[in-house]
PDB file of N, CA and C in Angstrom:
ATOM      1  N   TYR A   1     148.451 162.176  77.981  1.00  0.00           N
ATOM      2  CA  TYR A   1     147.913 160.945  78.528  1.00  0.00           C
ATOM      3  C   TYR A   1     148.563 160.616  79.858  1.00  0.00           C
ATOM      4  N   ALA A   2     149.881 160.665  79.918  1.00  0.00           N
ATOM      5  CA  ALA A   2     150.591 160.285  81.134  1.00  0.00           C
ATOM      6  C   ALA A   2     150.243 161.194  82.301  1.00  0.00           C
ATOM      7  N   THR A   3     149.985 162.455  82.038  1.00  0.00           N
ATOM      8  CA  THR A   3     149.691 163.405  83.106  1.00  0.00           C
ATOM      9  C   THR A   3     148.290 163.200  83.676  1.00  0.00           C
ATOM     10  N   LEU A   4     147.301 163.058  82.814  1.00  0.00           N
ATOM     11  CA  LEU A   4     145.916 162.995  83.255  1.00  0.00           C
ATOM     12  C   LEU A   4     145.303 161.601  83.165  1.00  0.00           C
ATOM     13  N   GLY A   5     145.967 160.672  82.507  1.00  0.00           N
ATOM     14  CA  GLY A   5     145.431 159.335  82.344  1.00  0.00           C
ATOM     15  C   GLY A   5     144.292 159.250  81.349  1.00  0.00           C
ATOM     16  N   GLN A   6     144.149 160.276  80.517  1.00  0.00           N
ATOM     17  CA  GLN A   6     143.094 160.308  79.519  1.00  0.00           C
ATOM     18  C   GLN A   6     143.705 160.567  78.153  1.00  0.00           C
ATOM     19  N   LEU A   7     143.233 159.837  77.170  1.00  0.00           N
ATOM     20  CA  LEU A   7     143.690 160.056  75.809  1.00  0.00           C
ATOM     21  C   LEU A   7     142.882 161.199  75.212  1.00  0.00           C
ATOM     22  N   THR A   8     143.580 162.208  74.698  1.00  0.00           N
ATOM     23  CA  THR A   8     142.894 163.357  74.118  1.00  0.00           C
ATOM     24  C   THR A   8     143.239 163.448  72.640  1.00  0.00           C
ATOM     25  N   PRO A   9     142.441 164.202  71.868  1.00  0.00           N
ATOM     26  CA  PRO A   9     142.751 164.364  70.439  1.00  0.00           C
ATOM     27  C   PRO A   9     144.122 165.009  70.203  1.00  0.00           C
ATOM     28  N   LYS A  10     144.657 165.680  71.208  1.00  0.00           N
ATOM     29  CA  LYS A  10     145.944 166.351  71.006  1.00  0.00           C
ATOM     30  C   LYS A  10     147.119 165.572  71.584  1.00  0.00           C
ATOM     31  N   ALA A  11     146.887 164.308  71.940  1.00  0.00           N
ATOM     32  CA  ALA A  11     147.982 163.475  72.424  1.00  0.00           C
ATOM     33  C   ALA A  11     149.036 163.289  71.339  1.00  0.00           C
ATOM     34  N   ASP A  12     148.598 163.209  70.078  1.00  0.00           N
ATOM     35  CA  ASP A  12     149.550 163.070  68.976  1.00  0.00           C
ATOM     36  C   ASP A  12     150.393 164.334  68.811  1.00  0.00           C
ATOM     37  N   VAL A  13     149.829 165.488  69.124  1.00  0.00           N
ATOM     38  CA  VAL A  13     150.575 166.742  69.049  1.00  0.00           C
ATOM     39  C   VAL A  13     151.669 166.740  70.115  1.00  0.00           C
ATOM     40  N   TYR A  14     151.321 166.298  71.329  1.00  0.00           N
ATOM     41  CA  TYR A  14     152.303 166.207  72.414  1.00  0.00           C
ATOM     42  C   TYR A  14     153.443 165.268  72.012  1.00  0.00           C
ATOM     43  N   THR A  15     153.090 164.107  71.493  1.00  0.00           N
ATOM     44  CA  THR A  15     154.090 163.125  71.079  1.00  0.00           C
ATOM     45  C   THR A  15     154.991 163.679  69.985  1.00  0.00           C
ATOM     46  N   PHE A  16     154.421 164.415  69.043  1.00  0.00           N
ATOM     47  CA  PHE A  16     155.210 165.027  67.985  1.00  0.00           C
ATOM     48  C   PHE A  16     156.165 166.066  68.571  1.00  0.00           C
ATOM     49  N   GLY A  17     155.706 166.821  69.565  1.00  0.00           N
ATOM     50  CA  GLY A  17     156.577 167.787  70.237  1.00  0.00           C
ATOM     51  C   GLY A  17     157.766 167.111  70.898  1.00  0.00           C
ATOM     52  N   ILE A  18     157.511 165.991  71.552  1.00  0.00           N
ATOM     53  CA  ILE A  18     158.602 165.225  72.172  1.00  0.00           C
ATOM     54  C   ILE A  18     159.571 164.745  71.094  1.00  0.00           C
ATOM     55  N   LEU A  19     159.043 164.249  69.997  1.00  0.00           N
ATOM     56  CA  LEU A  19     159.885 163.793  68.892  1.00  0.00           C
ATOM     57  C   LEU A  19     160.778 164.921  68.386  1.00  0.00           C
ATOM     58  N   LEU A  20     160.210 166.111  68.196  1.00  0.00           N
ATOM     59  CA  LEU A  20     161.008 167.262  67.740  1.00  0.00           C
ATOM     60  C   LEU A  20     162.128 167.574  68.734  1.00  0.00           C
ATOM     61  N   LEU A  21     161.800 167.563  70.018  1.00  0.00           N
ATOM     62  CA  LEU A  21     162.822 167.849  71.037  1.00  0.00           C
ATOM     63  C   LEU A  21     163.909 166.773  71.047  1.00  0.00           C
ATOM     64  N   GLU A  22     163.521 165.522  70.846  1.00  0.00           N
ATOM     65  CA  GLU A  22     164.507 164.443  70.785  1.00  0.00           C
ATOM     66  C   GLU A  22     165.440 164.622  69.594  1.00  0.00           C
ATOM     67  N   ILE A  23     164.902 165.024  68.467  1.00  0.00           N
ATOM     68  CA  ILE A  23     165.721 165.230  67.269  1.00  0.00           C
ATOM     69  C   ILE A  23     166.698 166.379  67.470  1.00  0.00           C
ATOM     70  N   VAL A  24     166.196 167.500  67.978  1.00  0.00           N
ATOM     71  CA  VAL A  24     167.041 168.680  68.166  1.00  0.00           C
ATOM     72  C   VAL A  24     168.113 168.440  69.217  1.00  0.00           C
ATOM     73  N   SER A  25     167.740 167.755  70.308  1.00  0.00           N
ATOM     74  CA  SER A  25     168.685 167.569  71.416  1.00  0.00           C
ATOM     75  C   SER A  25     169.588 166.348  71.246  1.00  0.00           C
ATOM     76  N   GLY A  26     169.144 165.364  70.461  1.00  0.00           N
ATOM     77  CA  GLY A  26     169.927 164.149  70.305  1.00  0.00           C
ATOM     78  C   GLY A  26     169.846 163.222  71.506  1.00  0.00           C
ATOM     79  N   ARG A  27     168.808 163.359  72.306  1.00  0.00           N
ATOM     80  CA  ARG A  27     168.667 162.502  73.484  1.00  0.00           C
ATOM     81  C   ARG A  27     167.248 161.992  73.630  1.00  0.00           C
ATOM     82  N   LYS A  28     167.052 161.028  74.525  1.00  0.00           N
ATOM     83  CA  LYS A  28     165.744 160.422  74.756  1.00  0.00           C
ATOM     84  C   LYS A  28     164.884 161.309  75.649  1.00  0.00           C
ATOM     85  N   ASN A  29     163.578 161.063  75.615  1.00  0.00           N
ATOM     86  CA  ASN A  29     162.634 161.804  76.442  1.00  0.00           C
ATOM     87  C   ASN A  29     162.950 161.645  77.930  1.00  0.00           C
ATOM     88  N   ILE A  30     163.205 160.423  78.375  1.00  0.00           N
ATOM     89  CA  ILE A  30     163.551 160.144  79.769  1.00  0.00           C
ATOM     90  C   ILE A  30     164.816 159.315  79.781  1.00  0.00           C
ATOM     91  N   ASP A  31     165.817 159.786  80.531  1.00  0.00           N
ATOM     92  CA  ASP A  31     167.089 159.064  80.628  1.00  0.00           C
ATOM     93  C   ASP A  31     167.530 159.072  82.079  1.00  0.00           C
ATOM     94  N   SER A  32     167.254 157.984  82.790  1.00  0.00           N
ATOM     95  CA  SER A  32     167.546 157.907  84.220  1.00  0.00           C
ATOM     96  C   SER A  32     169.031 157.790  84.532  1.00  0.00           C
ATOM     97  N   THR A  33     169.878 157.685  83.514  1.00  0.00           N
ATOM     98  CA  THR A  33     171.317 157.628  83.762  1.00  0.00           C
ATOM     99  C   THR A  33     171.926 159.022  83.924  1.00  0.00           C
ATOM    100  N   LEU A  34     171.136 160.064  83.655  1.00  0.00           N
ATOM    101  CA  LEU A  34     171.621 161.437  83.760  1.00  0.00           C
ATOM    102  C   LEU A  34     171.385 161.997  85.158  1.00  0.00           C
ATOM    103  N   ALA A  35     171.962 163.162  85.406  1.00  0.00           N
ATOM    104  CA  ALA A  35     171.757 163.862  86.674  1.00  0.00           C
ATOM    105  C   ALA A  35     170.265 164.143  86.871  1.00  0.00           C
ATOM    106  N   PRO A  36     169.808 164.250  88.125  1.00  0.00           N
ATOM    107  CA  PRO A  36     168.375 164.447  88.397  1.00  0.00           C
ATOM    108  C   PRO A  36     167.739 165.611  87.640  1.00  0.00           C
ATOM    109  N   ASN A  37     168.443 166.712  87.453  1.00  0.00           N
ATOM    110  CA  ASN A  37     167.861 167.853  86.749  1.00  0.00           C
ATOM    111  C   ASN A  37     167.895 167.685  85.235  1.00  0.00           C
ATOM    112  N   GLN A  38     168.417 166.554  84.738  1.00  0.00           N
ATOM    113  CA  GLN A  38     168.487 166.308  83.304  1.00  0.00           C
ATOM    114  C   GLN A  38     167.711 165.072  82.863  1.00  0.00           C
ATOM    115  N   ILE A  39     167.093 164.355  83.789  1.00  0.00           N
ATOM    116  CA  ILE A  39     166.404 163.101  83.466  1.00  0.00           C
ATOM    117  C   ILE A  39     165.286 163.308  82.454  1.00  0.00           C
ATOM    118  N   TYR A  40     164.450 164.325  82.675  1.00  0.00           N
ATOM    119  CA  TYR A  40     163.294 164.565  81.813  1.00  0.00           C
ATOM    120  C   TYR A  40     163.641 165.600  80.758  1.00  0.00           C
ATOM    121  N   LEU A  41     163.481 165.217  79.493  1.00  0.00           N
ATOM    122  CA  LEU A  41     163.872 166.055  78.367  1.00  0.00           C
ATOM    123  C   LEU A  41     163.215 167.432  78.397  1.00  0.00           C
ATOM    124  N   ILE A  42     161.909 167.493  78.641  1.00  0.00           N
ATOM    125  CA  ILE A  42     161.217 168.782  78.617  1.00  0.00           C
ATOM    126  C   ILE A  42     161.788 169.708  79.682  1.00  0.00           C
ATOM    127  N   LYS A  43     161.962 169.196  80.882  1.00  0.00           N
ATOM    128  CA  LYS A  43     162.505 170.019  81.971  1.00  0.00           C
ATOM    129  C   LYS A  43     163.903 170.512  81.614  1.00  0.00           C
ATOM    130  N   TRP A  44     164.711 169.641  81.065  1.00  0.00           N
ATOM    131  CA  TRP A  44     166.077 170.007  80.687  1.00  0.00           C
ATOM    132  C   TRP A  44     166.070 171.087  79.610  1.00  0.00           C
ATOM    133  N   VAL A  45     165.218 170.932  78.606  1.00  0.00           N
ATOM    134  CA  VAL A  45     165.146 171.924  77.529  1.00  0.00           C
ATOM    135  C   VAL A  45     164.733 173.281  78.086  1.00  0.00           C
ATOM    136  N   VAL A  46     163.705 173.290  78.921  1.00  0.00           N
ATOM    137  CA  VAL A  46     163.206 174.550  79.467  1.00  0.00           C
ATOM    138  C   VAL A  46     164.251 175.216  80.353  1.00  0.00           C
ATOM    139  N   GLU A  47     164.911 174.445  81.204  1.00  0.00           N
ATOM    140  CA  GLU A  47     165.839 175.024  82.173  1.00  0.00           C
ATOM    141  C   GLU A  47     167.237 175.275  81.633  1.00  0.00           C
ATOM    142  N   GLU A  48     167.722 174.409  80.769  1.00  0.00           N
ATOM    143  CA  GLU A  48     169.135 174.450  80.409  1.00  0.00           C
ATOM    144  C   GLU A  48     169.451 174.958  79.012  1.00  0.00           C
ATOM    145  N   THR A  49     168.504 174.996  78.128  1.00  0.00           N
ATOM    146  CA  THR A  49     168.848 175.342  76.745  1.00  0.00           C
ATOM    147  C   THR A  49     168.137 176.577  76.220  1.00  0.00           C
ATOM    148  N   LEU A  50     167.690 177.440  77.115  1.00  0.00           N
ATOM    149  CA  LEU A  50     166.999 178.638  76.651  1.00  0.00           C
ATOM    150  C   LEU A  50     167.901 179.518  75.799  1.00  0.00           C
ATOM    151  N   ASP A  51     169.205 179.449  75.990  1.00  0.00           N
ATOM    152  CA  ASP A  51     170.117 180.244  75.166  1.00  0.00           C
ATOM    153  C   ASP A  51     170.142 179.740  73.726  1.00  0.00           C
ATOM    154  N   ILE A  52     169.829 178.466  73.500  1.00  0.00           N
ATOM    155  CA  ILE A  52     169.764 177.934  72.137  1.00  0.00           C
ATOM    156  C   ILE A  52     168.636 178.618  71.370  1.00  0.00           C
ATOM    157  N   ILE A  53     167.550 178.928  72.076  1.00  0.00           N
ATOM    158  CA  ILE A  53     166.406 179.552  71.422  1.00  0.00           C
ATOM    159  C   ILE A  53     166.797 180.886  70.804  1.00  0.00           C
ATOM    160  N   ASN A  54     167.817 181.520  71.319  1.00  0.00           N
ATOM    161  CA  ASN A  54     168.255 182.810  70.792  1.00  0.00           C
ATOM    162  C   ASN A  54     169.327 182.670  69.714  1.00  0.00           C
ATOM    163  N   SER A  55     169.645 181.453  69.305  1.00  0.00           N
ATOM    164  CA  SER A  55     170.685 181.266  68.297  1.00  0.00           C
ATOM    165  C   SER A  55     170.087 181.142  66.908  1.00  0.00           C
ATOM    166  N   GLU A  56     170.276 180.055  66.268  1.00  0.00           N
ATOM    167  CA  GLU A  56     169.852 179.853  64.886  1.00  0.00           C
ATOM    168  C   GLU A  56     168.333 179.887  64.728  1.00  0.00           C
ATOM    169  N   ASN A  57     167.867 180.520  63.667  1.00  0.00           N
ATOM    170  CA  ASN A  57     166.431 180.663  63.439  1.00  0.00           C
ATOM    171  C   ASN A  57     165.692 179.337  63.306  1.00  0.00           C
ATOM    172  N   GLU A  58     166.240 178.397  62.554  1.00  0.00           N
ATOM    173  CA  GLU A  58     165.562 177.117  62.351  1.00  0.00           C
ATOM    174  C   GLU A  58     165.488 176.318  63.648  1.00  0.00           C
ATOM    175  N   VAL A  59     166.572 176.296  64.404  1.00  0.00           N
ATOM    176  CA  VAL A  59     166.572 175.584  65.680  1.00  0.00           C
ATOM    177  C   VAL A  59     165.577 176.239  66.624  1.00  0.00           C
ATOM    178  N   ARG A  60     165.576 177.558  66.651  1.00  0.00           N
ATOM    179  CA  ARG A  60     164.635 178.297  67.505  1.00  0.00           C
ATOM    180  C   ARG A  60     163.200 177.962  67.113  1.00  0.00           C
ATOM    181  N   ARG A  61     162.930 177.922  65.831  1.00  0.00           N
ATOM    182  CA  ARG A  61     161.580 177.618  65.343  1.00  0.00           C
ATOM    183  C   ARG A  61     161.159 176.222  65.822  1.00  0.00           C
ATOM    184  N   VAL A  62     161.999 175.231  65.630  1.00  0.00           N
ATOM    185  CA  VAL A  62     161.660 173.858  66.007  1.00  0.00           C
ATOM    186  C   VAL A  62     161.444 173.745  67.513  1.00  0.00           C
ATOM    187  N   ILE A  63     162.323 174.345  68.302  1.00  0.00           N
ATOM    188  CA  ILE A  63     162.182 174.267  69.761  1.00  0.00           C
ATOM    189  C   ILE A  63     160.897 174.950  70.211  1.00  0.00           C
ATOM    190  N   ASN A  64     160.618 176.137  69.681  1.00  0.00           N
ATOM    191  CA  ASN A  64     159.393 176.837  70.077  1.00  0.00           C
ATOM    192  C   ASN A  64     158.146 176.049  69.695  1.00  0.00           C
ATOM    193  N   VAL A  65     158.125 175.483  68.501  1.00  0.00           N
ATOM    194  CA  VAL A  65     156.969 174.681  68.082  1.00  0.00           C
ATOM    195  C   VAL A  65     156.855 173.437  68.966  1.00  0.00           C
ATOM    196  N   ALA A  66     157.971 172.795  69.243  1.00  0.00           N
ATOM    197  CA  ALA A  66     157.953 171.608  70.105  1.00  0.00           C
ATOM    198  C   ALA A  66     157.407 171.947  71.485  1.00  0.00           C
ATOM    199  N   LEU A  67     157.831 173.079  72.041  1.00  0.00           N
ATOM    200  CA  LEU A  67     157.338 173.467  73.366  1.00  0.00           C
ATOM    201  C   LEU A  67     155.849 173.802  73.338  1.00  0.00           C
ATOM    202  N   LEU A  68     155.366 174.337  72.234  1.00  0.00           N
ATOM    203  CA  LEU A  68     153.920 174.547  72.103  1.00  0.00           C
ATOM    204  C   LEU A  68     153.186 173.203  72.121  1.00  0.00           C
ATOM    205  N   CYS A  69     153.777 172.209  71.486  1.00  0.00           N
ATOM    206  CA  CYS A  69     153.147 170.889  71.380  1.00  0.00           C
ATOM    207  C   CYS A  69     153.091 170.154  72.717  1.00  0.00           C
ATOM    208  N   VAL A  70     154.028 170.415  73.606  1.00  0.00           N
ATOM    209  CA  VAL A  70     154.101 169.657  74.858  1.00  0.00           C
ATOM    210  C   VAL A  70     153.541 170.420  76.053  1.00  0.00           C
ATOM    211  N   GLN A  71     152.757 171.448  75.813  1.00  0.00           N
ATOM    212  CA  GLN A  71     152.137 172.162  76.923  1.00  0.00           C
ATOM    213  C   GLN A  71     151.250 171.216  77.720  1.00  0.00           C
ATOM    214  N   ILE A  72     151.216 171.413  79.017  1.00  0.00           N
ATOM    215  CA  ILE A  72     150.487 170.530  79.927  1.00  0.00           C
ATOM    216  C   ILE A  72     149.007 170.445  79.570  1.00  0.00           C
ATOM    217  N   GLU A  73     148.386 171.561  79.290  1.00  0.00           N
ATOM    218  CA  GLU A  73     146.948 171.616  79.000  1.00  0.00           C
ATOM    219  C   GLU A  73     146.700 171.302  77.521  1.00  0.00           C
ATOM    220  N   PRO A  74     146.075 170.165  77.209  1.00  0.00           N
ATOM    221  CA  PRO A  74     145.854 169.793  75.806  1.00  0.00           C
ATOM    222  C   PRO A  74     145.084 170.829  74.993  1.00  0.00           C
ATOM    223  N   THR A  75     144.189 171.551  75.620  1.00  0.00           N
ATOM    224  CA  THR A  75     143.371 172.501  74.874  1.00  0.00           C
ATOM    225  C   THR A  75     144.156 173.685  74.329  1.00  0.00           C
ATOM    226  N   ILE A  76     145.344 173.954  74.866  1.00  0.00           N
ATOM    227  CA  ILE A  76     146.133 175.070  74.347  1.00  0.00           C
ATOM    228  C   ILE A  76     147.244 174.614  73.398  1.00  0.00           C
ATOM    229  N   ARG A  77     147.324 173.304  73.163  1.00  0.00           N
ATOM    230  CA  ARG A  77     148.263 172.805  72.155  1.00  0.00           C
ATOM    231  C   ARG A  77     147.727 173.157  70.775  1.00  0.00           C
ATOM    232  N   PRO A  78     148.611 173.427  69.817  1.00  0.00           N
ATOM    233  CA  PRO A  78     148.141 173.767  68.470  1.00  0.00           C
ATOM    234  C   PRO A  78     147.596 172.541  67.732  1.00  0.00           C
ATOM    235  N   LEU A  79     146.806 172.798  66.724  1.00  0.00           N
ATOM    236  CA  LEU A  79     146.374 171.730  65.825  1.00  0.00           C
ATOM    237  C   LEU A  79     147.583 171.255  65.031  1.00  0.00           C
ATOM    238  N   MET A  80     147.567 170.013  64.598  1.00  0.00           N
ATOM    239  CA  MET A  80     148.693 169.477  63.836  1.00  0.00           C
ATOM    240  C   MET A  80     148.898 170.266  62.544  1.00  0.00           C
ATOM    241  N   SER A  81     147.830 170.717  61.920  1.00  0.00           N
ATOM    242  CA  SER A  81     147.969 171.525  60.700  1.00  0.00           C
ATOM    243  C   SER A  81     148.691 172.836  61.002  1.00  0.00           C
ATOM    244  N   HIS A  82     148.445 173.394  62.189  1.00  0.00           N
ATOM    245  CA  HIS A  82     149.146 174.616  62.594  1.00  0.00           C
ATOM    246  C   HIS A  82     150.612 174.330  62.899  1.00  0.00           C
ATOM    247  N   VAL A  83     150.881 173.171  63.502  1.00  0.00           N
ATOM    248  CA  VAL A  83     152.264 172.769  63.786  1.00  0.00           C
ATOM    249  C   VAL A  83     153.065 172.736  62.484  1.00  0.00           C
ATOM    250  N   LEU A  84     152.512 172.088  61.484  1.00  0.00           N
ATOM    251  CA  LEU A  84     153.206 171.998  60.197  1.00  0.00           C
ATOM    252  C   LEU A  84     153.396 173.368  59.565  1.00  0.00           C
ATOM    253  N   ALA A  85     152.369 174.206  59.625  1.00  0.00           N
ATOM    254  CA  ALA A  85     152.470 175.554  59.061  1.00  0.00           C
ATOM    255  C   ALA A  85     153.541 176.376  59.785  1.00  0.00           C
ATOM    256  N   MET A  86     153.616 176.239  61.107  1.00  0.00           N
ATOM    257  CA  MET A  86     154.636 176.965  61.867  1.00  0.00           C
ATOM    258  C   MET A  86     156.034 176.460  61.514  1.00  0.00           C
ATOM    259  N   LEU A  87     156.189 175.152  61.398  1.00  0.00           N
ATOM    260  CA  LEU A  87     157.497 174.592  61.050  1.00  0.00           C
ATOM    261  C   LEU A  87     157.953 175.027  59.663  1.00  0.00           C
ATOM    262  N   GLN A  88     157.012 175.214  58.758  1.00  0.00           N
ATOM    263  CA  GLN A  88     157.333 175.627  57.394  1.00  0.00           C
ATOM    264  C   GLN A  88     157.444 177.138  57.252  1.00  0.00           C
ATOM    265  N   GLY A  89     157.211 177.869  58.340  1.00  0.00           N
ATOM    266  CA  GLY A  89     157.313 179.322  58.299  1.00  0.00           C
ATOM    267  C   GLY A  89     156.122 180.009  57.679  1.00  0.00           C
ATOM    268  N   GLU A  90     155.021 179.291  57.513  1.00  0.00           N
ATOM    269  CA  GLU A  90     153.817 179.845  56.905  1.00  0.00           C
ATOM    270  C   GLU A  90     152.868 180.449  57.932  1.00  0.00           C
ATOM    271  N   MET A  91     153.185 180.303  59.202  1.00  0.00           N
ATOM    272  CA  MET A  91     152.325 180.785  60.280  1.00  0.00           C
ATOM    273  C   MET A  91     153.205 181.288  61.412  1.00  0.00           C
ATOM    274  N   ASP A  92     152.809 182.395  62.032  1.00  0.00           N
ATOM    275  CA  ASP A  92     153.557 182.910  63.171  1.00  0.00           C
ATOM    276  C   ASP A  92     153.492 181.923  64.327  1.00  0.00           C
ATOM    277  N   ILE A  93     154.553 181.914  65.127  1.00  0.00           N
ATOM    278  CA  ILE A  93     154.636 181.009  66.263  1.00  0.00           C
ATOM    279  C   ILE A  93     154.323 181.783  67.532  1.00  0.00           C
ATOM    280  N   ASP A  94     153.291 181.332  68.242  1.00  0.00           N
ATOM    281  CA  ASP A  94     153.029 181.882  69.569  1.00  0.00           C
ATOM    282  C   ASP A  94     154.082 181.315  70.503  1.00  0.00           C
ATOM    283  N   HIS A  95     154.519 182.113  71.450  1.00  0.00           N
ATOM    284  CA  HIS A  95     155.496 181.600  72.407  1.00  0.00           C
ATOM    285  C   HIS A  95     154.805 180.672  73.393  1.00  0.00           C
ATOM    286  N   PRO A  96     155.490 179.586  73.779  1.00  0.00           N
ATOM    287  CA  PRO A  96     154.890 178.656  74.742  1.00  0.00           C
ATOM    288  C   PRO A  96     154.557 179.378  76.042  1.00  0.00           C
ATOM    289  N   LYS A  97     153.504 178.924  76.696  1.00  0.00           N
ATOM    290  CA  LYS A  97     153.116 179.498  77.978  1.00  0.00           C
ATOM    291  C   LYS A  97     154.194 179.195  79.011  1.00  0.00           C
ATOM    292  N   ARG A  98     154.464 180.132  79.885  1.00  0.00           N
ATOM    293  CA  ARG A  98     155.498 179.943  80.902  1.00  0.00           C
ATOM    294  C   ARG A  98     155.083 178.934  81.953  1.00  0.00           C
ATOM    295  N   ASP A  99     153.788 178.602  82.050  1.00  0.00           N
ATOM    296  CA  ASP A  99     153.361 177.630  83.051  1.00  0.00           C
ATOM    297  C   ASP A  99     153.926 176.242  82.758  1.00  0.00           C
ATOM    298  N   LEU A 100     154.434 176.018  81.544  1.00  0.00           N
ATOM    299  CA  LEU A 100     155.072 174.743  81.235  1.00  0.00           C
ATOM    300  C   LEU A 100     156.241 174.515  82.180  1.00  0.00           C
ATOM    301  N   ALA A 101     157.149 175.470  82.263  1.00  0.00           N
ATOM    302  CA  ALA A 101     158.310 175.350  83.140  1.00  0.00           C
ATOM    303  C   ALA A 101     157.872 175.295  84.599  1.00  0.00           C
ATOM    304  N   PHE A 102     156.888 176.106  84.964  1.00  0.00           N
ATOM    305  CA  PHE A 102     156.412 176.132  86.333  1.00  0.00           C
ATOM    306  C   PHE A 102     155.856 174.777  86.743  1.00  0.00           C
ATOM    307  N   ASN A 103     155.026 174.182  85.897  1.00  0.00           N
ATOM    308  CA  ASN A 103     154.427 172.884  86.192  1.00  0.00           C
ATOM    309  C   ASN A 103     155.469 171.794  86.264  1.00  0.00           C
ATOM    310  N   LEU A 104     156.464 171.857  85.386  1.00  0.00           N
ATOM    311  CA  LEU A 104     157.509 170.835  85.406  1.00  0.00           C
ATOM    312  C   LEU A 104     158.342 170.933  86.668  1.00  0.00           C
ATOM    313  N   LYS A 105     158.701 172.136  87.062  1.00  0.00           N
ATOM    314  CA  LYS A 105     159.501 172.318  88.280  1.00  0.00           C
ATOM    315  C   LYS A 105     158.736 171.814  89.487  1.00  0.00           C
ATOM    316  N   ASN A 106     157.454 172.130  89.579  1.00  0.00           N
ATOM    317  CA  ASN A 106     156.661 171.706  90.729  1.00  0.00           C
ATOM    318  C   ASN A 106     156.429 170.211  90.735  1.00  0.00           C
ATOM    319  N   SER A 107     156.302 169.588  89.572  1.00  0.00           N
ATOM    320  CA  SER A 107     156.044 168.156  89.533  1.00  0.00           C
ATOM    321  C   SER A 107     157.279 167.335  89.888  1.00  0.00           C
ATOM    322  N   GLU A 108     158.447 167.927  89.759  1.00  0.00           N
ATOM    323  CA  GLU A 108     159.690 167.215  90.050  1.00  0.00           C
ATOM    324  C   GLU A 108     160.143 167.403  91.491  1.00  0.00           C
ATOM    325  N   ASP A 109     159.655 168.442  92.157  1.00  0.00           N
ATOM    326  CA  ASP A 109     160.104 168.737  93.532  1.00  0.00           C
ATOM    327  C   ASP A 109     159.509 167.794  94.533  1.00  0.00           C
TER     328      ASP A 109
END
């Protein structure tokens, strides 16, 4: 919604992705008291915590699912039923598109 100004059926998926990232990271989505490269949670996760993705399986699963949920293009976000299946290990997780990081970097510059 914030990016395009339109409410889409997958806005709830995006919001759930943000919630997952907030839980895993222990921080808010936007925190203007942090350094400029850390203000936005998604940008910080993509740029600074990629090594976490290679650590614990459960943390990796949650981060990957969260990043799928917060992709810029709503049409490529998973259905909520797929999100739950991926979190429960009942469905394979597609890796988030790399354009997420690209779009975030360009939008902040």
